[in-house]
Amino acid sequence: MTTSPPQPPQNPYPNQPGGYGPPEQFPQYTQPQQPQQYQQAPHQQTFPQPGQPLPQQQGQFQQPGQPQGQPQQQPMPQGAAVQCRFCGGFPAVQATVRGHQGMIVVMRFLKLQGPFCRTCGIATVRDMTSKSLWQGWWGIGSMIVNPITMLMNLEPWSKFRKLPEPAPGAPGRPMNPGKPLLQRPAIAMLLLPIALLVAIVAINLTITTASDATVGSCVVNKGTSTTPDVKVVDCASSEAEYKVVGKLDDTVDDTKCEQFPGYEAAYTSEVGSQRYTLCLGPI
């Protein structure tokens, strides 16, 4: 009786050389197929004739503590049962990579869920963080949320770094990790919130309120006569309107300003327990 030689298994990913390329369906993924179990054809059990020795079975031994009749199971490597949803490689780990977009008034939260292999995971962290560096600052709320979002990517990034390189022969093409974040132009956007903070501090230092005025300082009223908003300015500035000829603490009685020569106007302030009066004269 003649039999045909066994045929090799068909390529489950047609039109892809060597089983390398993106999966046909994206981003779905499947669990790795378990090897098929083959059963041997049942054989007829024979019993020895009287006087004949019992047949011996070779090549079988039993591990201590293992039930008889059950094959010994080999432990599966950690992460080998999970495939990357993008390239199908393993080992992979479940993680979520996040991004942020600020749009002046509203904001947008982005996330991409795994499982990821090492290559696709690192590539996703770099891509999402790089886009957040460009797009995540444009809004008052985004200035606070964006740094927190990028810091949250440190946890999945640490998971990906601990994985070994994907096993060869994955059905799909892994993502391109690209350059590290420190070598990308987007990293310069980290200077934006720092520059804005420095500008706010500098503006607050240059603008002083009326409570900081001393005798000889020049002031300007940026409000009205009923709701004044007095600021201290440079006496050489064109904004300067009055010069402080006297300052009275713990009182709002402007009649006491008559003791100062050149007195023309007065500005009184009472906020809580803090009270003072500025006696103003011409520059």
C-alpha atoms as a PDB file:
ATOM      1  CA  MET A   1       0.000   0.000   0.000  1.00  0.00           C
ATOM      2  CA  THR A   2       1.397   3.391  -0.999  1.00  0.00           C
ATOM      3  CA  THR A   3       0.770   6.661   0.821  1.00  0.00           C
ATOM      4  CA  SER A   4       1.304  10.254  -0.315  1.00  0.00           C
ATOM      5  CA  PRO A   5       4.021  12.224   1.503  1.00  0.00           C
ATOM      6  CA  PRO A   6       2.791  14.778   4.108  1.00  0.00           C
ATOM      7  CA  GLN A   7       2.125  18.254   2.725  1.00  0.00           C
ATOM      8  CA  PRO A   8       3.447  21.408   4.474  1.00  0.00           C
ATOM      9  CA  PRO A   9       0.787  23.582   6.184  1.00  0.00           C
ATOM     10  CA  GLN A  10      -0.607  26.429   4.140  1.00  0.00           C
ATOM     11  CA  ASN A  11       0.435  30.019   4.880  1.00  0.00           C
ATOM     12  CA  PRO A  12      -2.342  31.557   7.048  1.00  0.00           C
ATOM     13  CA  TYR A  13      -1.405  35.001   5.712  1.00  0.00           C
ATOM     14  CA  PRO A  14      -1.592  34.841   1.894  1.00  0.00           C
ATOM     15  CA  ASN A  15       0.154  37.353  -0.374  1.00  0.00           C
ATOM     16  CA  GLN A  16       2.716  38.166   2.336  1.00  0.00           C
ATOM     17  CA  PRO A  17       6.306  36.939   1.808  1.00  0.00           C
ATOM     18  CA  GLY A  18       7.579  34.751   4.585  1.00  0.00           C
ATOM     19  CA  GLY A  19       4.591  35.402   6.839  1.00  0.00           C
ATOM     20  CA  TYR A  20       5.679  39.054   7.405  1.00  0.00           C
ATOM     21  CA  GLY A  21       3.273  41.931   7.042  1.00  0.00           C
ATOM     22  CA  PRO A  22       0.326  43.642   8.693  1.00  0.00           C
ATOM     23  CA  PRO A  23      -2.644  41.513   9.722  1.00  0.00           C
ATOM     24  CA  GLU A  24      -5.574  41.457   7.337  1.00  0.00           C
ATOM     25  CA  GLN A  25      -7.934  42.818   9.983  1.00  0.00           C
ATOM     26  CA  PHE A  26      -6.843  45.798  12.073  1.00  0.00           C
ATOM     27  CA  PRO A  27      -6.842  46.290  15.019  1.00  0.00           C
ATOM     28  CA  GLN A  28      -8.381  42.908  15.923  1.00  0.00           C
ATOM     29  CA  TYR A  29      -6.131  40.277  17.353  1.00  0.00           C
ATOM     30  CA  THR A  30      -6.447  36.608  18.281  1.00  0.00           C
ATOM     31  CA  GLN A  31      -4.888  34.352  20.807  1.00  0.00           C
ATOM     32  CA  PRO A  32      -2.042  32.162  19.547  1.00  0.00           C
ATOM     33  CA  GLN A  33      -3.254  28.848  18.205  1.00  0.00           C
ATOM     34  CA  GLN A  34      -2.575  25.819  20.352  1.00  0.00           C
ATOM     35  CA  PRO A  35      -0.882  22.893  18.617  1.00  0.00           C
ATOM     36  CA  GLN A  36      -3.284  20.222  17.526  1.00  0.00           C
ATOM     37  CA  GLN A  37      -3.273  17.006  19.419  1.00  0.00           C
ATOM     38  CA  TYR A  38      -3.007  13.844  17.400  1.00  0.00           C
ATOM     39  CA  GLN A  39      -4.412  10.608  18.715  1.00  0.00           C
ATOM     40  CA  GLN A  40      -2.804   7.312  17.975  1.00  0.00           C
ATOM     41  CA  ALA A  41      -4.915   4.588  16.449  1.00  0.00           C
ATOM     42  CA  PRO A  42      -6.237   2.255  19.116  1.00  0.00           C
ATOM     43  CA  HIS A  43      -4.476  -1.051  19.221  1.00  0.00           C
ATOM     44  CA  GLN A  44      -5.737  -4.334  20.413  1.00  0.00           C
ATOM     45  CA  GLN A  45      -4.501  -5.326  23.809  1.00  0.00           C
ATOM     46  CA  THR A  46      -3.080  -8.841  23.930  1.00  0.00           C
ATOM     47  CA  PHE A  47      -2.410 -10.944  26.936  1.00  0.00           C
ATOM     48  CA  PRO A  48       0.680 -13.145  27.210  1.00  0.00           C
ATOM     49  CA  GLN A  49       0.377 -16.881  27.123  1.00  0.00           C
ATOM     50  CA  PRO A  50       1.140 -18.852  30.217  1.00  0.00           C
ATOM     51  CA  GLY A  51       4.880 -19.117  30.675  1.00  0.00           C
ATOM     52  CA  GLN A  52       5.750 -16.066  28.573  1.00  0.00           C
ATOM     53  CA  PRO A  53       7.330 -12.964  30.188  1.00  0.00           C
ATOM     54  CA  LEU A  54       5.315  -9.781  30.482  1.00  0.00           C
ATOM     55  CA  PRO A  55       6.018  -7.204  27.736  1.00  0.00           C
ATOM     56  CA  GLN A  56       8.099  -4.227  28.872  1.00  0.00           C
ATOM     57  CA  GLN A  57       7.394  -0.641  27.862  1.00  0.00           C
ATOM     58  CA  GLN A  58      10.443   1.424  27.116  1.00  0.00           C
ATOM     59  CA  GLY A  59      10.972   5.160  27.283  1.00  0.00           C
ATOM     60  CA  GLN A  60       8.387   5.881  29.971  1.00  0.00           C
ATOM     61  CA  PHE A  61       9.053   7.120  33.473  1.00  0.00           C
ATOM     62  CA  GLN A  62       7.011   8.853  36.115  1.00  0.00           C
ATOM     63  CA  GLN A  63       7.895  12.079  37.929  1.00  0.00           C
ATOM     64  CA  PRO A  64       7.384  12.075  41.687  1.00  0.00           C
ATOM     65  CA  GLY A  65       4.010  13.542  42.603  1.00  0.00           C
ATOM     66  CA  GLN A  66       2.664  13.376  39.022  1.00  0.00           C
ATOM     67  CA  PRO A  67      -0.569  11.407  38.499  1.00  0.00           C
ATOM     68  CA  GLN A  68      -0.147   8.324  36.382  1.00  0.00           C
ATOM     69  CA  GLY A  69      -1.381   8.462  32.814  1.00  0.00           C
ATOM     70  CA  GLN A  70      -1.041  12.271  32.428  1.00  0.00           C
ATOM     71  CA  PRO A  71       1.751  13.879  30.373  1.00  0.00           C
ATOM     72  CA  GLN A  72       4.039  16.393  32.051  1.00  0.00           C
ATOM     73  CA  GLN A  73       3.127  19.996  31.137  1.00  0.00           C
ATOM     74  CA  GLN A  74       5.838  22.498  30.338  1.00  0.00           C
ATOM     75  CA  PRO A  75       5.380  25.985  31.853  1.00  0.00           C
ATOM     76  CA  MET A  76       4.477  28.675  29.311  1.00  0.00           C
ATOM     77  CA  PRO A  77       6.682  31.760  29.245  1.00  0.00           C
ATOM     78  CA  GLN A  78       5.105  34.847  30.792  1.00  0.00           C
ATOM     79  CA  GLY A  79       3.328  36.956  28.159  1.00  0.00           C
ATOM     80  CA  ALA A  80       3.626  34.278  25.473  1.00  0.00           C
ATOM     81  CA  ALA A  81      -0.141  33.673  25.495  1.00  0.00           C
ATOM     82  CA  VAL A  82      -0.860  37.350  24.627  1.00  0.00           C
ATOM     83  CA  GLN A  83      -0.266  38.715  21.154  1.00  0.00           C
ATOM     84  CA  CYS A  84       0.339  42.329  20.173  1.00  0.00           C
ATOM     85  CA  ARG A  85      -2.840  43.757  18.655  1.00  0.00           C
ATOM     86  CA  PHE A  86      -0.861  45.590  15.979  1.00  0.00           C
ATOM     87  CA  CYS A  87       1.724  43.117  14.695  1.00  0.00           C
ATOM     88  CA  GLY A  88       0.649  39.844  16.297  1.00  0.00           C
ATOM     89  CA  GLY A  89       4.040  39.376  17.945  1.00  0.00           C
ATOM     90  CA  PHE A  90       4.653  38.006  21.405  1.00  0.00           C
ATOM     91  CA  PRO A  91       5.407  38.340  24.240  1.00  0.00           C
ATOM     92  CA  ALA A  92       3.048  41.254  24.812  1.00  0.00           C
ATOM     93  CA  VAL A  93       1.593  43.087  27.781  1.00  0.00           C
ATOM     94  CA  GLN A  94      -1.708  44.877  28.372  1.00  0.00           C
ATOM     95  CA  ALA A  95      -1.328  48.656  28.790  1.00  0.00           C
ATOM     96  CA  THR A  96      -2.959  51.984  27.878  1.00  0.00           C
ATOM     97  CA  VAL A  97      -1.010  54.876  26.337  1.00  0.00           C
ATOM     98  CA  ARG A  98      -2.565  58.345  26.616  1.00  0.00           C
ATOM     99  CA  GLY A  99      -2.363  61.675  24.808  1.00  0.00           C
ATOM    100  CA  HIS A 100      -3.898  65.148  25.123  1.00  0.00           C
ATOM    101  CA  GLN A 101      -5.010  67.936  22.808  1.00  0.00           C
ATOM    102  CA  GLY A 102      -5.809  71.449  23.987  1.00  0.00           C
ATOM    103  CA  MET A 103      -8.155  73.550  21.840  1.00  0.00           C
ATOM    104  CA  ILE A 104      -8.267  76.921  23.689  1.00  0.00           C
ATOM    105  CA  VAL A 105     -11.715  76.435  25.273  1.00  0.00           C
ATOM    106  CA  VAL A 106     -12.231  72.667  25.116  1.00  0.00           C
ATOM    107  CA  MET A 107      -9.807  69.777  25.419  1.00  0.00           C
ATOM    108  CA  ARG A 108      -9.565  66.274  24.036  1.00  0.00           C
ATOM    109  CA  PHE A 109      -8.334  63.152  25.819  1.00  0.00           C
ATOM    110  CA  LEU A 110      -6.770  60.402  23.695  1.00  0.00           C
ATOM    111  CA  LYS A 111      -5.852  56.829  24.559  1.00  0.00           C
ATOM    112  CA  LEU A 112      -4.671  53.702  22.749  1.00  0.00           C
ATOM    113  CA  GLN A 113      -5.091  50.324  24.404  1.00  0.00           C
ATOM    114  CA  GLY A 114      -2.997  47.191  23.902  1.00  0.00           C
ATOM    115  CA  PRO A 115      -1.810  44.525  24.227  1.00  0.00           C
ATOM    116  CA  PHE A 116       1.543  45.797  22.948  1.00  0.00           C
ATOM    117  CA  CYS A 117       4.808  44.056  22.208  1.00  0.00           C
ATOM    118  CA  ARG A 118       8.008  45.851  23.153  1.00  0.00           C
ATOM    119  CA  THR A 119       8.528  47.474  19.742  1.00  0.00           C
ATOM    120  CA  CYS A 120       4.934  48.608  19.161  1.00  0.00           C
ATOM    121  CA  GLY A 121       4.572  49.775  22.778  1.00  0.00           C
ATOM    122  CA  ILE A 122       7.661  51.991  22.750  1.00  0.00           C
ATOM    123  CA  ALA A 123       6.667  53.367  19.345  1.00  0.00           C
ATOM    124  CA  THR A 124       3.185  54.259  20.651  1.00  0.00           C
ATOM    125  CA  VAL A 125       4.525  56.027  23.748  1.00  0.00           C
ATOM    126  CA  ARG A 126       6.924  58.100  21.657  1.00  0.00           C
ATOM    127  CA  ASP A 127       4.260  59.013  19.100  1.00  0.00           C
ATOM    128  CA  MET A 128       1.509  59.932  21.594  1.00  0.00           C
ATOM    129  CA  THR A 129       3.868  61.913  23.844  1.00  0.00           C
ATOM    130  CA  SER A 130       5.389  63.759  20.886  1.00  0.00           C
ATOM    131  CA  LYS A 131       1.942  64.837  19.675  1.00  0.00           C
ATOM    132  CA  SER A 132       0.989  65.924  23.201  1.00  0.00           C
ATOM    133  CA  LEU A 133       4.110  68.098  23.325  1.00  0.00           C
ATOM    134  CA  TRP A 134       2.893  69.979  20.240  1.00  0.00           C
ATOM    135  CA  GLN A 135      -0.880  69.969  20.751  1.00  0.00           C
ATOM    136  CA  GLY A 136      -1.417  69.680  24.502  1.00  0.00           C
ATOM    137  CA  TRP A 137      -0.665  73.200  25.782  1.00  0.00           C
ATOM    138  CA  TRP A 138      -3.289  75.327  24.026  1.00  0.00           C
ATOM    139  CA  GLY A 139      -5.730  76.133  26.812  1.00  0.00           C
ATOM    140  CA  ILE A 140      -5.696  77.164  30.456  1.00  0.00           C
ATOM    141  CA  GLY A 141      -6.913  73.770  31.623  1.00  0.00           C
ATOM    142  CA  SER A 142      -4.654  71.950  29.173  1.00  0.00           C
ATOM    143  CA  MET A 143      -1.609  73.644  30.666  1.00  0.00           C
ATOM    144  CA  ILE A 144      -2.328  71.651  33.830  1.00  0.00           C
ATOM    145  CA  VAL A 145      -3.725  68.418  32.346  1.00  0.00           C
ATOM    146  CA  ASN A 146      -1.098  67.886  29.649  1.00  0.00           C
ATOM    147  CA  PRO A 147       1.906  67.389  31.973  1.00  0.00           C
ATOM    148  CA  ILE A 148      -0.116  64.942  34.075  1.00  0.00           C
ATOM    149  CA  THR A 149      -1.102  62.993  30.953  1.00  0.00           C
ATOM    150  CA  MET A 150       2.495  62.668  29.784  1.00  0.00           C
ATOM    151  CA  LEU A 151       3.641  61.558  33.229  1.00  0.00           C
ATOM    152  CA  MET A 152       0.995  58.804  33.181  1.00  0.00           C
ATOM    153  CA  ASN A 153       2.762  57.269  30.168  1.00  0.00           C
ATOM    154  CA  LEU A 154       5.792  56.488  32.306  1.00  0.00           C
ATOM    155  CA  GLU A 155       4.070  53.397  33.734  1.00  0.00           C
ATOM    156  CA  PRO A 156       3.315  51.665  30.375  1.00  0.00           C
ATOM    157  CA  TRP A 157       6.722  52.755  29.065  1.00  0.00           C
ATOM    158  CA  SER A 158       8.343  50.939  31.996  1.00  0.00           C
ATOM    159  CA  LYS A 159       6.337  47.792  31.186  1.00  0.00           C
ATOM    160  CA  PHE A 160       7.425  47.830  27.554  1.00  0.00           C
ATOM    161  CA  ARG A 161      11.087  48.281  28.478  1.00  0.00           C
ATOM    162  CA  LYS A 162      10.990  45.103  30.577  1.00  0.00           C
ATOM    163  CA  LEU A 163       9.728  42.957  27.684  1.00  0.00           C
ATOM    164  CA  PRO A 164      12.197  41.080  25.459  1.00  0.00           C
ATOM    165  CA  GLU A 165      12.297  41.705  21.742  1.00  0.00           C
ATOM    166  CA  PRO A 166       9.333  40.146  19.852  1.00  0.00           C
ATOM    167  CA  ALA A 167       9.856  36.606  18.632  1.00  0.00           C
ATOM    168  CA  PRO A 168      10.605  36.439  14.881  1.00  0.00           C
ATOM    169  CA  GLY A 169       7.889  35.347  12.481  1.00  0.00           C
ATOM    170  CA  ALA A 170       5.098  37.671  13.645  1.00  0.00           C
ATOM    171  CA  PRO A 171       2.197  37.837  11.155  1.00  0.00           C
ATOM    172  CA  GLY A 172       2.261  41.658  11.006  1.00  0.00           C
ATOM    173  CA  ARG A 173       4.828  44.391  10.660  1.00  0.00           C
ATOM    174  CA  PRO A 174       5.802  46.046  13.985  1.00  0.00           C
ATOM    175  CA  MET A 175       5.546  49.812  14.342  1.00  0.00           C
ATOM    176  CA  ASN A 176       8.559  51.996  13.673  1.00  0.00           C
ATOM    177  CA  PRO A 177       9.768  53.347  17.050  1.00  0.00           C
ATOM    178  CA  GLY A 178      11.466  56.341  15.424  1.00  0.00           C
ATOM    179  CA  LYS A 179      13.844  58.604  17.306  1.00  0.00           C
ATOM    180  CA  PRO A 180      13.795  58.914  21.106  1.00  0.00           C
ATOM    181  CA  LEU A 181      11.844  61.886  22.459  1.00  0.00           C
ATOM    182  CA  LEU A 182      14.993  63.756  23.488  1.00  0.00           C
ATOM    183  CA  GLN A 183      16.124  63.731  19.847  1.00  0.00           C
ATOM    184  CA  ARG A 184      12.862  65.079  18.424  1.00  0.00           C
ATOM    185  CA  PRO A 185      12.077  68.795  17.861  1.00  0.00           C
ATOM    186  CA  ALA A 186       8.873  68.454  19.914  1.00  0.00           C
ATOM    187  CA  ILE A 187      10.921  68.237  23.116  1.00  0.00           C
ATOM    188  CA  ALA A 188      11.553  71.987  22.809  1.00  0.00           C
ATOM    189  CA  MET A 189       7.859  72.560  23.614  1.00  0.00           C
ATOM    190  CA  LEU A 190       8.643  71.715  27.236  1.00  0.00           C
ATOM    191  CA  LEU A 191      10.116  75.225  27.433  1.00  0.00           C
ATOM    192  CA  LEU A 192       6.719  76.798  26.658  1.00  0.00           C
ATOM    193  CA  PRO A 193       5.143  76.455  30.140  1.00  0.00           C
ATOM    194  CA  ILE A 194       8.436  77.502  31.741  1.00  0.00           C
ATOM    195  CA  ALA A 195       8.630  80.635  29.576  1.00  0.00           C
ATOM    196  CA  LEU A 196       4.996  81.484  30.339  1.00  0.00           C
ATOM    197  CA  LEU A 197       5.578  81.122  34.078  1.00  0.00           C
ATOM    198  CA  VAL A 198       8.621  83.397  33.923  1.00  0.00           C
ATOM    199  CA  ALA A 199       6.621  86.013  31.979  1.00  0.00           C
ATOM    200  CA  ILE A 200       3.814  86.024  34.557  1.00  0.00           C
ATOM    201  CA  VAL A 201       6.273  86.483  37.412  1.00  0.00           C
ATOM    202  CA  ALA A 202       8.091  89.267  35.563  1.00  0.00           C
ATOM    203  CA  ILE A 203       4.848  91.143  34.913  1.00  0.00           C
ATOM    204  CA  ASN A 204       3.830  90.908  38.553  1.00  0.00           C
ATOM    205  CA  LEU A 205       7.205  92.235  39.631  1.00  0.00           C
ATOM    206  CA  THR A 206       7.032  95.264  37.333  1.00  0.00           C
ATOM    207  CA  ILE A 207       3.493  96.226  38.379  1.00  0.00           C
ATOM    208  CA  THR A 208       3.266  97.373  41.986  1.00  0.00           C
ATOM    209  CA  THR A 209       0.128  98.390  43.807  1.00  0.00           C
ATOM    210  CA  ALA A 210      -0.584 101.564  45.740  1.00  0.00           C
ATOM    211  CA  SER A 211       0.271  99.861  49.024  1.00  0.00           C
ATOM    212  CA  ASP A 212       3.890  99.666  47.840  1.00  0.00           C
ATOM    213  CA  ALA A 213       4.078 103.429  47.242  1.00  0.00           C
ATOM    214  CA  THR A 214       6.438 105.532  49.365  1.00  0.00           C
ATOM    215  CA  VAL A 215       7.055 109.244  49.634  1.00  0.00           C
ATOM    216  CA  GLY A 216       8.571 110.376  46.330  1.00  0.00           C
ATOM    217  CA  SER A 217       6.947 107.599  44.271  1.00  0.00           C
ATOM    218  CA  CYS A 218       4.823 108.463  41.253  1.00  0.00           C
ATOM    219  CA  VAL A 219       1.397 106.919  40.686  1.00  0.00           C
ATOM    220  CA  VAL A 220      -1.296 106.716  38.037  1.00  0.00           C
ATOM    221  CA  ASN A 221      -5.012 106.131  38.437  1.00  0.00           C
ATOM    222  CA  LYS A 222      -6.066 103.468  35.904  1.00  0.00           C
ATOM    223  CA  GLY A 223      -9.649 103.514  37.191  1.00  0.00           C
ATOM    224  CA  THR A 224     -12.132 106.301  37.781  1.00  0.00           C
ATOM    225  CA  SER A 225     -12.692 108.828  40.550  1.00  0.00           C
ATOM    226  CA  THR A 226     -15.372 106.632  42.124  1.00  0.00           C
ATOM    227  CA  THR A 227     -13.534 103.302  41.654  1.00  0.00           C
ATOM    228  CA  PRO A 228      -9.838 104.210  41.561  1.00  0.00           C
ATOM    229  CA  ASP A 229      -7.137 101.753  40.585  1.00  0.00           C
ATOM    230  CA  VAL A 230      -3.864 103.376  41.625  1.00  0.00           C
ATOM    231  CA  LYS A 231      -0.586 101.838  40.406  1.00  0.00           C
ATOM    232  CA  VAL A 232       2.996 102.859  41.062  1.00  0.00           C
ATOM    233  CA  VAL A 233       4.864 103.838  37.878  1.00  0.00           C
ATOM    234  CA  ASP A 234       8.206 105.343  36.975  1.00  0.00           C
ATOM    235  CA  CYS A 235       8.306 109.092  37.490  1.00  0.00           C
ATOM    236  CA  ALA A 236       9.935 109.472  34.067  1.00  0.00           C
ATOM    237  CA  SER A 237       7.024 107.626  32.435  1.00  0.00           C
ATOM    238  CA  SER A 238       4.385 109.535  30.499  1.00  0.00           C
ATOM    239  CA  GLU A 239       1.736 107.698  32.560  1.00  0.00           C
ATOM    240  CA  ALA A 240       2.758 109.342  35.834  1.00  0.00           C
ATOM    241  CA  GLU A 241       0.016 111.670  37.112  1.00  0.00           C
ATOM    242  CA  TYR A 242       0.877 112.412  40.764  1.00  0.00           C
ATOM    243  CA  LYS A 243       3.778 112.227  43.154  1.00  0.00           C
ATOM    244  CA  VAL A 244       3.335 110.933  46.690  1.00  0.00           C
ATOM    245  CA  VAL A 245       4.114 113.843  49.045  1.00  0.00           C
ATOM    246  CA  GLY A 246       3.034 112.002  52.175  1.00  0.00           C
ATOM    247  CA  LYS A 247       1.724 108.644  53.390  1.00  0.00           C
ATOM    248  CA  LEU A 248      -0.417 108.119  56.492  1.00  0.00           C
ATOM    249  CA  ASP A 249      -0.775 104.611  57.931  1.00  0.00           C
ATOM    250  CA  ASP A 250      -3.718 103.270  59.944  1.00  0.00           C
ATOM    251  CA  THR A 251      -6.058 106.049  58.861  1.00  0.00           C
ATOM    252  CA  VAL A 252      -8.366 106.987  56.015  1.00  0.00           C
ATOM    253  CA  ASP A 253      -8.813 110.611  57.117  1.00  0.00           C
ATOM    254  CA  ASP A 254      -7.647 112.596  54.073  1.00  0.00           C
ATOM    255  CA  THR A 255      -7.886 115.908  55.938  1.00  0.00           C
ATOM    256  CA  LYS A 256      -4.588 115.069  57.608  1.00  0.00           C
ATOM    257  CA  CYS A 257      -2.873 115.436  54.215  1.00  0.00           C
ATOM    258  CA  GLU A 258      -3.056 119.244  54.515  1.00  0.00           C
ATOM    259  CA  GLN A 259       0.113 119.153  56.588  1.00  0.00           C
ATOM    260  CA  PHE A 260       2.154 118.166  53.513  1.00  0.00           C
ATOM    261  CA  PRO A 261       3.293 120.965  51.154  1.00  0.00           C
ATOM    262  CA  GLY A 262       2.028 120.572  47.582  1.00  0.00           C
ATOM    263  CA  TYR A 263      -0.951 118.443  48.589  1.00  0.00           C
ATOM    264  CA  GLU A 264      -3.645 118.384  45.863  1.00  0.00           C
ATOM    265  CA  ALA A 265      -5.417 115.021  46.096  1.00  0.00           C
ATOM    266  CA  ALA A 266      -5.619 111.997  48.321  1.00  0.00           C
ATOM    267  CA  TYR A 267      -6.122 108.276  47.872  1.00  0.00           C
ATOM    268  CA  THR A 268      -7.456 106.206  50.758  1.00  0.00           C
ATOM    269  CA  SER A 269      -7.602 102.417  51.022  1.00  0.00           C
ATOM    270  CA  GLU A 270      -9.129 100.114  53.632  1.00  0.00           C
ATOM    271  CA  VAL A 271      -8.882  96.346  53.110  1.00  0.00           C
ATOM    272  CA  GLY A 272      -9.636  94.399  56.251  1.00  0.00           C
ATOM    273  CA  SER A 273      -7.434  95.715  59.011  1.00  0.00           C
ATOM    274  CA  GLN A 274      -5.021  97.420  56.587  1.00  0.00           C
ATOM    275  CA  ARG A 275      -5.725 101.146  56.172  1.00  0.00           C
ATOM    276  CA  TYR A 276      -3.617 103.921  54.698  1.00  0.00           C
ATOM    277  CA  THR A 277      -3.853 107.283  52.914  1.00  0.00           C
ATOM    278  CA  LEU A 278      -1.659 108.574  50.109  1.00  0.00           C
ATOM    279  CA  CYS A 279      -1.284 112.353  49.926  1.00  0.00           C
ATOM    280  CA  LEU A 280      -0.655 113.298  46.282  1.00  0.00           C
ATOM    281  CA  GLY A 281       0.833 116.391  44.708  1.00  0.00           C
ATOM    282  CA  PRO A 282       1.946 117.501  41.237  1.00  0.00           C
ATOM    283  CA  ILE A 283       4.973 115.943  39.586  1.00  0.00           C
END
